[in-house]
N, C-alpha and C. Protein backbone atom coordinates (compact mmCIF):
# COMPACT_ATOMS: atom_id res chain seq x y z
N MET A 1 90.79 100.52 154.34
CA MET A 1 89.85 101.09 153.41
C MET A 1 90.57 101.97 152.38
N LYS A 2 91.56 102.79 152.89
CA LYS A 2 92.31 103.64 151.98
C LYS A 2 93.09 102.81 150.98
N LYS A 3 93.58 101.65 151.42
CA LYS A 3 94.37 100.78 150.54
C LYS A 3 93.50 100.27 149.39
N ASN A 4 92.26 99.86 149.70
CA ASN A 4 91.35 99.39 148.66
C ASN A 4 91.01 100.51 147.68
N LYS A 5 90.81 101.70 148.20
CA LYS A 5 90.49 102.85 147.36
C LYS A 5 91.65 103.15 146.41
N LEU A 6 92.87 103.08 146.95
CA LEU A 6 94.06 103.31 146.14
C LEU A 6 94.19 102.25 145.05
N ILE A 7 93.92 101.00 145.38
CA ILE A 7 94.00 99.91 144.40
C ILE A 7 92.97 100.12 143.30
N TRP A 8 91.73 100.45 143.70
CA TRP A 8 90.68 100.67 142.70
C TRP A 8 91.00 101.90 141.84
N SER A 9 91.59 102.90 142.42
CA SER A 9 91.99 104.08 141.64
C SER A 9 93.04 103.71 140.60
N PHE A 10 94.00 102.90 141.02
CA PHE A 10 95.04 102.45 140.10
C PHE A 10 94.44 101.61 138.98
N ILE A 11 93.54 100.70 139.31
CA ILE A 11 92.90 99.86 138.29
C ILE A 11 92.10 100.72 137.32
N GLY A 12 91.37 101.70 137.83
CA GLY A 12 90.61 102.61 136.98
C GLY A 12 91.51 103.40 136.05
N PHE A 13 92.63 103.90 136.58
CA PHE A 13 93.59 104.65 135.78
C PHE A 13 94.18 103.76 134.68
N ALA A 14 94.54 102.54 135.03
CA ALA A 14 95.10 101.60 134.04
C ALA A 14 94.07 101.28 132.96
N ALA A 15 92.80 101.15 133.34
CA ALA A 15 91.75 100.87 132.35
C ALA A 15 91.60 102.05 131.38
N VAL A 16 91.62 103.26 131.90
CA VAL A 16 91.50 104.45 131.05
C VAL A 16 92.67 104.51 130.08
N ILE A 17 93.88 104.26 130.56
CA ILE A 17 95.07 104.26 129.69
C ILE A 17 94.93 103.18 128.63
N GLY A 18 94.45 102.00 129.00
CA GLY A 18 94.25 100.92 128.03
C GLY A 18 93.25 101.30 126.95
N ILE A 19 92.18 101.94 127.35
CA ILE A 19 91.16 102.37 126.38
C ILE A 19 91.74 103.40 125.43
N ILE A 20 92.51 104.34 125.96
CA ILE A 20 93.12 105.38 125.12
C ILE A 20 94.06 104.76 124.10
N PHE A 21 94.93 103.83 124.55
CA PHE A 21 95.87 103.19 123.62
C PHE A 21 95.14 102.34 122.59
N SER A 22 94.08 101.66 122.98
CA SER A 22 93.29 100.87 122.03
C SER A 22 92.67 101.77 120.97
N ALA A 23 92.13 102.90 121.39
CA ALA A 23 91.52 103.84 120.44
C ALA A 23 92.57 104.39 119.49
N MET A 24 93.77 104.68 120.01
CA MET A 24 94.85 105.19 119.16
C MET A 24 95.26 104.13 118.13
N ALA A 25 95.37 102.89 118.55
CA ALA A 25 95.76 101.81 117.63
C ALA A 25 94.70 101.63 116.57
N PHE A 26 93.43 101.64 116.95
CA PHE A 26 92.35 101.50 115.99
C PHE A 26 92.34 102.67 115.02
N SER A 27 92.56 103.87 115.55
CA SER A 27 92.59 105.07 114.72
C SER A 27 93.73 104.99 113.71
N GLN A 28 94.90 104.53 114.13
CA GLN A 28 96.05 104.42 113.23
C GLN A 28 95.76 103.40 112.13
N THR A 29 95.14 102.26 112.49
CA THR A 29 94.79 101.26 111.50
C THR A 29 93.82 101.84 110.50
N ASP A 30 92.84 102.59 110.98
CA ASP A 30 91.89 103.26 110.11
C ASP A 30 92.60 104.20 109.14
N LYS A 31 93.54 104.98 109.65
CA LYS A 31 94.28 105.93 108.81
C LYS A 31 95.08 105.20 107.75
N GLU A 32 95.74 104.09 108.13
CA GLU A 32 96.53 103.34 107.16
C GLU A 32 95.63 102.74 106.09
N GLN A 33 94.48 102.20 106.49
CA GLN A 33 93.55 101.64 105.52
C GLN A 33 93.03 102.75 104.61
N MET A 34 92.71 103.89 105.19
CA MET A 34 92.21 105.01 104.40
C MET A 34 93.27 105.45 103.41
N LYS A 35 94.52 105.45 103.83
CA LYS A 35 95.60 105.87 102.94
C LYS A 35 95.66 104.95 101.73
N MET A 36 95.56 103.63 101.93
CA MET A 36 95.60 102.70 100.81
C MET A 36 94.41 102.95 99.90
N GLU A 37 93.24 103.16 100.49
CA GLU A 37 92.05 103.41 99.67
C GLU A 37 92.18 104.72 98.91
N ASP A 38 92.75 105.74 99.55
CA ASP A 38 92.96 107.02 98.87
C ASP A 38 93.93 106.85 97.70
N LEU A 39 95.01 106.11 97.94
CA LEU A 39 95.99 105.88 96.86
C LEU A 39 95.36 105.11 95.72
N GLU A 40 94.54 104.12 96.07
CA GLU A 40 93.90 103.31 95.03
C GLU A 40 92.98 104.18 94.17
N LYS A 41 92.32 105.16 94.78
CA LYS A 41 91.46 106.07 94.01
C LYS A 41 92.28 106.92 93.04
N GLN A 42 93.52 107.23 93.41
CA GLN A 42 94.38 108.06 92.56
C GLN A 42 95.09 107.25 91.48
N LEU A 43 95.14 105.94 91.67
CA LEU A 43 95.83 105.06 90.72
C LEU A 43 95.05 105.01 89.41
N VAL A 44 95.76 105.24 88.31
CA VAL A 44 95.15 105.17 86.99
C VAL A 44 95.91 104.12 86.18
N LEU A 45 95.18 103.12 85.72
CA LEU A 45 95.77 102.07 84.89
C LEU A 45 94.95 101.92 83.63
N GLY A 46 95.47 101.13 82.71
CA GLY A 46 94.70 100.80 81.51
C GLY A 46 93.69 99.73 81.85
N GLU A 47 93.09 99.14 80.85
CA GLU A 47 92.08 98.11 81.07
C GLU A 47 92.73 96.76 81.36
N GLY A 48 92.03 95.95 82.13
CA GLY A 48 92.50 94.61 82.45
C GLY A 48 92.99 94.51 83.88
N ASN A 49 93.47 93.32 84.22
CA ASN A 49 93.99 93.04 85.55
C ASN A 49 95.51 93.14 85.56
N LEU A 50 96.05 93.42 86.73
CA LEU A 50 97.50 93.44 86.86
C LEU A 50 98.02 92.03 86.62
N PRO A 51 98.99 91.88 85.72
CA PRO A 51 99.48 90.54 85.38
C PRO A 51 100.39 89.96 86.47
N GLN A 52 100.26 88.66 86.70
CA GLN A 52 101.15 87.98 87.64
C GLN A 52 102.55 87.85 87.04
N GLU A 53 102.60 87.58 85.76
CA GLU A 53 103.87 87.49 85.05
C GLU A 53 103.85 88.53 83.93
N ILE A 54 104.80 89.42 83.96
CA ILE A 54 104.84 90.50 82.98
C ILE A 54 105.57 90.02 81.73
N THR A 55 104.90 90.18 80.59
CA THR A 55 105.50 89.83 79.31
C THR A 55 105.38 91.04 78.39
N GLN A 56 105.99 90.97 77.24
CA GLN A 56 105.91 92.08 76.27
C GLN A 56 104.47 92.31 75.80
N ASP A 57 103.63 91.31 75.93
CA ASP A 57 102.27 91.41 75.39
C ASP A 57 101.22 91.89 76.38
N ASN A 58 101.55 92.01 77.66
CA ASN A 58 100.51 92.38 78.61
C ASN A 58 100.83 93.65 79.41
N THR A 59 101.58 94.54 78.81
CA THR A 59 101.95 95.74 79.55
C THR A 59 101.04 96.94 79.28
N LYS A 60 100.06 96.79 78.40
CA LYS A 60 99.19 97.93 78.08
C LYS A 60 98.43 98.43 79.31
N ILE A 61 98.21 97.58 80.31
CA ILE A 61 97.52 98.02 81.52
C ILE A 61 98.29 99.14 82.22
N PHE A 62 99.60 99.23 81.98
CA PHE A 62 100.42 100.23 82.65
C PHE A 62 100.49 101.55 81.88
N ALA A 63 99.64 101.72 80.88
CA ALA A 63 99.68 102.90 80.02
C ALA A 63 99.63 104.21 80.81
N LYS A 64 98.88 104.24 81.89
CA LYS A 64 98.74 105.48 82.68
C LYS A 64 99.32 105.34 84.08
N ASN A 65 100.05 104.27 84.33
CA ASN A 65 100.65 104.03 85.64
C ASN A 65 101.52 105.22 86.06
N GLY A 66 101.26 105.78 87.21
CA GLY A 66 102.05 106.90 87.71
C GLY A 66 101.57 108.26 87.29
N ILE A 67 100.48 108.32 86.53
CA ILE A 67 100.01 109.59 85.99
C ILE A 67 99.67 110.60 87.10
N ASN A 68 99.18 110.14 88.24
CA ASN A 68 98.89 111.00 89.39
C ASN A 68 99.95 110.85 90.48
N ASP A 69 101.15 110.46 90.08
CA ASP A 69 102.25 110.18 91.02
C ASP A 69 101.94 109.01 91.94
N VAL A 70 101.03 108.13 91.53
CA VAL A 70 100.76 106.88 92.25
C VAL A 70 101.00 105.74 91.27
N PHE A 71 101.87 104.82 91.67
CA PHE A 71 102.27 103.71 90.81
C PHE A 71 101.84 102.38 91.42
N ALA A 72 101.42 101.43 90.58
CA ALA A 72 101.30 100.03 90.97
C ALA A 72 102.63 99.41 90.54
N ILE A 73 103.36 98.87 91.50
CA ILE A 73 104.70 98.32 91.23
C ILE A 73 104.72 96.85 91.62
N GLN A 74 105.24 96.01 90.73
CA GLN A 74 105.32 94.59 91.01
C GLN A 74 106.43 94.33 92.02
N MET A 75 106.10 93.64 93.11
CA MET A 75 107.08 93.29 94.14
C MET A 75 107.97 92.17 93.60
N VAL A 76 109.27 92.41 93.58
CA VAL A 76 110.22 91.42 93.10
C VAL A 76 110.94 90.76 94.27
N GLU A 77 111.35 91.57 95.23
CA GLU A 77 112.00 91.06 96.44
C GLU A 77 111.50 91.85 97.64
N GLY A 78 111.33 91.13 98.76
CA GLY A 78 110.92 91.78 99.99
C GLY A 78 109.43 91.64 100.25
N VAL A 79 109.03 92.20 101.39
CA VAL A 79 107.63 92.13 101.82
C VAL A 79 107.28 93.45 102.47
N ILE A 80 106.06 93.90 102.24
CA ILE A 80 105.55 95.06 102.94
C ILE A 80 104.14 94.73 103.40
N ASN A 81 103.89 94.87 104.70
CA ASN A 81 102.59 94.53 105.27
C ASN A 81 101.77 95.72 105.69
N VAL A 82 102.42 96.86 105.90
CA VAL A 82 101.74 98.08 106.33
C VAL A 82 102.31 99.25 105.55
N PRO A 83 101.57 100.34 105.41
CA PRO A 83 102.11 101.52 104.73
C PRO A 83 103.35 102.05 105.47
N LEU A 84 104.38 102.36 104.71
CA LEU A 84 105.62 102.89 105.28
C LEU A 84 106.20 103.96 104.36
N LYS A 85 106.92 104.87 104.97
CA LYS A 85 107.69 105.82 104.17
C LYS A 85 108.94 105.11 103.68
N GLY A 86 109.49 105.62 102.61
CA GLY A 86 110.70 105.01 102.06
C GLY A 86 111.49 106.01 101.25
N THR A 87 112.69 105.57 100.86
CA THR A 87 113.57 106.36 100.01
C THR A 87 113.97 105.53 98.81
N VAL A 88 113.78 106.08 97.63
CA VAL A 88 114.19 105.37 96.41
C VAL A 88 115.72 105.33 96.39
N LEU A 89 116.27 104.13 96.28
CA LEU A 89 117.73 103.96 96.22
C LEU A 89 118.21 103.89 94.77
N THR A 90 117.46 103.16 93.93
CA THR A 90 117.91 102.96 92.55
C THR A 90 116.75 103.06 91.57
N ASP A 91 117.10 103.44 90.37
CA ASP A 91 116.20 103.39 89.21
C ASP A 91 117.12 102.96 88.07
N GLU A 92 117.04 101.67 87.73
CA GLU A 92 118.04 101.14 86.81
C GLU A 92 117.41 100.24 85.75
N VAL A 93 118.18 99.99 84.71
CA VAL A 93 117.81 99.16 83.57
C VAL A 93 116.45 99.60 83.01
N CYS A 94 116.29 100.87 82.82
CA CYS A 94 115.04 101.42 82.28
C CYS A 94 115.04 101.25 80.76
N GLU A 95 114.35 100.22 80.31
CA GLU A 95 114.30 99.91 78.88
C GLU A 95 112.86 99.87 78.42
N PRO A 96 112.56 100.42 77.24
CA PRO A 96 111.19 100.38 76.74
C PRO A 96 110.85 99.02 76.13
N ASP A 97 109.56 98.66 76.21
CA ASP A 97 109.09 97.45 75.55
C ASP A 97 108.55 97.81 74.16
N ILE A 98 107.87 96.90 73.52
CA ILE A 98 107.40 97.13 72.16
C ILE A 98 106.34 98.23 72.07
N TYR A 99 105.71 98.57 73.21
CA TYR A 99 104.70 99.63 73.23
C TYR A 99 105.28 100.97 73.67
N GLY A 100 106.56 100.97 74.04
CA GLY A 100 107.20 102.20 74.49
C GLY A 100 107.09 102.44 75.99
N TYR A 101 106.58 101.45 76.75
CA TYR A 101 106.49 101.58 78.20
C TYR A 101 107.81 101.13 78.80
N TYR A 102 108.33 101.94 79.71
CA TYR A 102 109.63 101.65 80.31
C TYR A 102 109.49 100.70 81.49
N HIS A 103 110.41 99.74 81.56
CA HIS A 103 110.48 98.77 82.65
C HIS A 103 111.70 99.15 83.49
N CYS A 104 111.46 99.63 84.69
CA CYS A 104 112.55 100.11 85.55
C CYS A 104 112.60 99.30 86.84
N TRP A 105 113.81 98.97 87.27
CA TRP A 105 114.02 98.23 88.51
C TRP A 105 114.35 99.23 89.61
N ASN A 106 113.60 99.15 90.70
CA ASN A 106 113.77 100.10 91.80
C ASN A 106 114.01 99.38 93.12
N ASN A 107 115.06 99.80 93.82
CA ASN A 107 115.27 99.40 95.20
C ASN A 107 114.80 100.56 96.07
N ILE A 108 114.03 100.23 97.11
CA ILE A 108 113.48 101.25 97.99
C ILE A 108 113.78 100.85 99.43
N GLU A 109 114.44 101.75 100.16
CA GLU A 109 114.70 101.50 101.57
C GLU A 109 113.52 102.02 102.37
N LEU A 110 112.92 101.13 103.16
CA LEU A 110 111.76 101.49 103.96
C LEU A 110 112.18 102.10 105.29
N SER A 111 111.26 102.79 105.93
CA SER A 111 111.56 103.45 107.21
C SER A 111 111.90 102.45 108.30
N ASN A 112 111.56 101.17 108.12
CA ASN A 112 111.92 100.15 109.11
C ASN A 112 113.30 99.55 108.83
N GLY A 113 114.00 100.07 107.81
CA GLY A 113 115.35 99.61 107.50
C GLY A 113 115.42 98.52 106.43
N GLU A 114 114.29 97.91 106.10
CA GLU A 114 114.29 96.86 105.09
C GLU A 114 114.34 97.47 103.70
N ILE A 115 114.83 96.69 102.75
CA ILE A 115 114.90 97.13 101.36
C ILE A 115 114.02 96.22 100.52
N ILE A 116 113.15 96.82 99.72
CA ILE A 116 112.33 96.06 98.79
C ILE A 116 112.77 96.39 97.37
N ARG A 117 112.49 95.48 96.45
CA ARG A 117 112.83 95.68 95.04
C ARG A 117 111.56 95.51 94.23
N GLY A 118 111.32 96.45 93.33
CA GLY A 118 110.12 96.38 92.52
C GLY A 118 110.41 96.67 91.06
N LEU A 119 109.48 96.24 90.22
CA LEU A 119 109.54 96.50 88.79
C LEU A 119 108.44 97.51 88.48
N THR A 120 108.84 98.70 88.04
CA THR A 120 107.92 99.77 87.72
C THR A 120 107.80 99.87 86.20
N ILE A 121 106.59 99.80 85.70
CA ILE A 121 106.35 99.97 84.26
C ILE A 121 105.54 101.25 84.09
N HIS A 122 106.05 102.15 83.24
CA HIS A 122 105.39 103.45 83.07
C HIS A 122 105.69 103.99 81.68
N ASP A 123 104.90 104.98 81.30
CA ASP A 123 105.03 105.59 79.98
C ASP A 123 105.81 106.90 80.11
N MET A 124 107.13 106.79 80.03
CA MET A 124 107.97 107.98 80.16
C MET A 124 107.67 108.98 79.04
N ASN A 125 107.42 108.50 77.86
CA ASN A 125 107.11 109.40 76.74
C ASN A 125 105.73 110.04 76.89
N GLY A 126 104.89 109.44 77.73
CA GLY A 126 103.55 109.98 77.99
C GLY A 126 103.51 110.91 79.18
N GLY A 127 104.68 111.31 79.66
CA GLY A 127 104.73 112.30 80.73
C GLY A 127 104.92 111.77 82.13
N VAL A 128 105.26 110.49 82.28
CA VAL A 128 105.50 109.93 83.62
C VAL A 128 106.98 109.59 83.74
N PRO A 129 107.76 110.47 84.39
CA PRO A 129 109.19 110.22 84.52
C PRO A 129 109.50 109.07 85.48
N CYS A 130 110.71 108.58 85.37
CA CYS A 130 111.20 107.53 86.26
C CYS A 130 111.22 108.03 87.70
N LEU A 131 111.29 107.08 88.63
CA LEU A 131 111.48 107.44 90.03
C LEU A 131 112.91 107.94 90.20
N SER A 132 113.08 108.93 91.03
CA SER A 132 114.41 109.53 91.23
C SER A 132 115.05 109.00 92.50
N PRO A 133 116.30 108.50 92.40
CA PRO A 133 117.01 108.09 93.60
C PRO A 133 117.08 109.25 94.61
N ASP A 134 117.00 108.90 95.87
CA ASP A 134 117.00 109.82 97.01
C ASP A 134 115.66 110.50 97.22
N SER A 135 114.65 110.22 96.39
CA SER A 135 113.34 110.84 96.61
C SER A 135 112.58 110.08 97.70
N GLU A 136 111.82 110.84 98.48
CA GLU A 136 111.01 110.27 99.56
C GLU A 136 109.67 109.84 98.98
N VAL A 137 109.22 108.64 99.35
CA VAL A 137 107.98 108.08 98.84
C VAL A 137 107.21 107.43 99.99
N VAL A 138 105.97 107.07 99.72
CA VAL A 138 105.17 106.26 100.64
C VAL A 138 104.78 105.00 99.88
N VAL A 139 105.00 103.85 100.49
CA VAL A 139 104.62 102.58 99.88
C VAL A 139 103.61 101.88 100.76
N THR A 140 102.68 101.18 100.13
CA THR A 140 101.66 100.46 100.87
C THR A 140 101.35 99.15 100.15
N PRO A 141 101.04 98.10 100.89
CA PRO A 141 100.71 96.84 100.23
C PRO A 141 99.49 97.02 99.33
N TYR A 142 99.45 96.25 98.27
CA TYR A 142 98.30 96.33 97.37
C TYR A 142 97.75 94.93 97.17
N LYS A 143 97.73 94.43 95.99
CA LYS A 143 97.16 93.10 95.72
C LYS A 143 97.93 92.41 94.61
N ASP A 144 97.75 91.12 94.54
CA ASP A 144 98.30 90.31 93.45
C ASP A 144 99.80 90.49 93.25
N GLY A 145 100.56 90.61 94.34
CA GLY A 145 102.01 90.73 94.23
C GLY A 145 102.49 92.14 93.88
N TYR A 146 101.66 93.14 94.11
CA TYR A 146 102.01 94.53 93.82
C TYR A 146 101.94 95.36 95.10
N PHE A 147 102.63 96.49 95.07
CA PHE A 147 102.46 97.51 96.11
C PHE A 147 102.21 98.84 95.40
N LEU A 148 101.62 99.76 96.14
CA LEU A 148 101.39 101.10 95.61
C LEU A 148 102.49 102.01 96.12
N LEU A 149 102.91 102.92 95.29
CA LEU A 149 103.93 103.91 95.64
C LEU A 149 103.41 105.30 95.30
N LYS A 150 103.50 106.19 96.26
CA LYS A 150 103.13 107.61 96.05
C LYS A 150 104.40 108.43 96.17
N ARG A 151 104.69 109.20 95.11
CA ARG A 151 105.88 110.04 95.23
C ARG A 151 105.49 111.46 95.58
């Protein structure tokens, strides 16, 4: 009888632990989703949709990109599936287009060790400076080949 009681106690304990871990995982997913939604609320862009292919003629949407320290950045290399912390490694080839918006190439090392490369378009003359190498950021997947970056 004691053996059965011990087995049932162990099963009950394991079930409680399972429920706790499930709740923690659900809570973390909720937090990550909330973070993306919060970042999206802070994102300020011009009118229109994010372009799949960036040309000199369709960059006006980036007029206010980064104004609240939240950027929509086109993914050039790599993949990000969940929000992660990262460190900016490079900010290079920052050249203005015909509207004066700067096109900067950024490599970002993620907390999981992977490196992603993105194209950041922003209005440096409008008060949005380039990303600084060695700065800590948070990146999260977005849509249409873009990710969001919060500095």
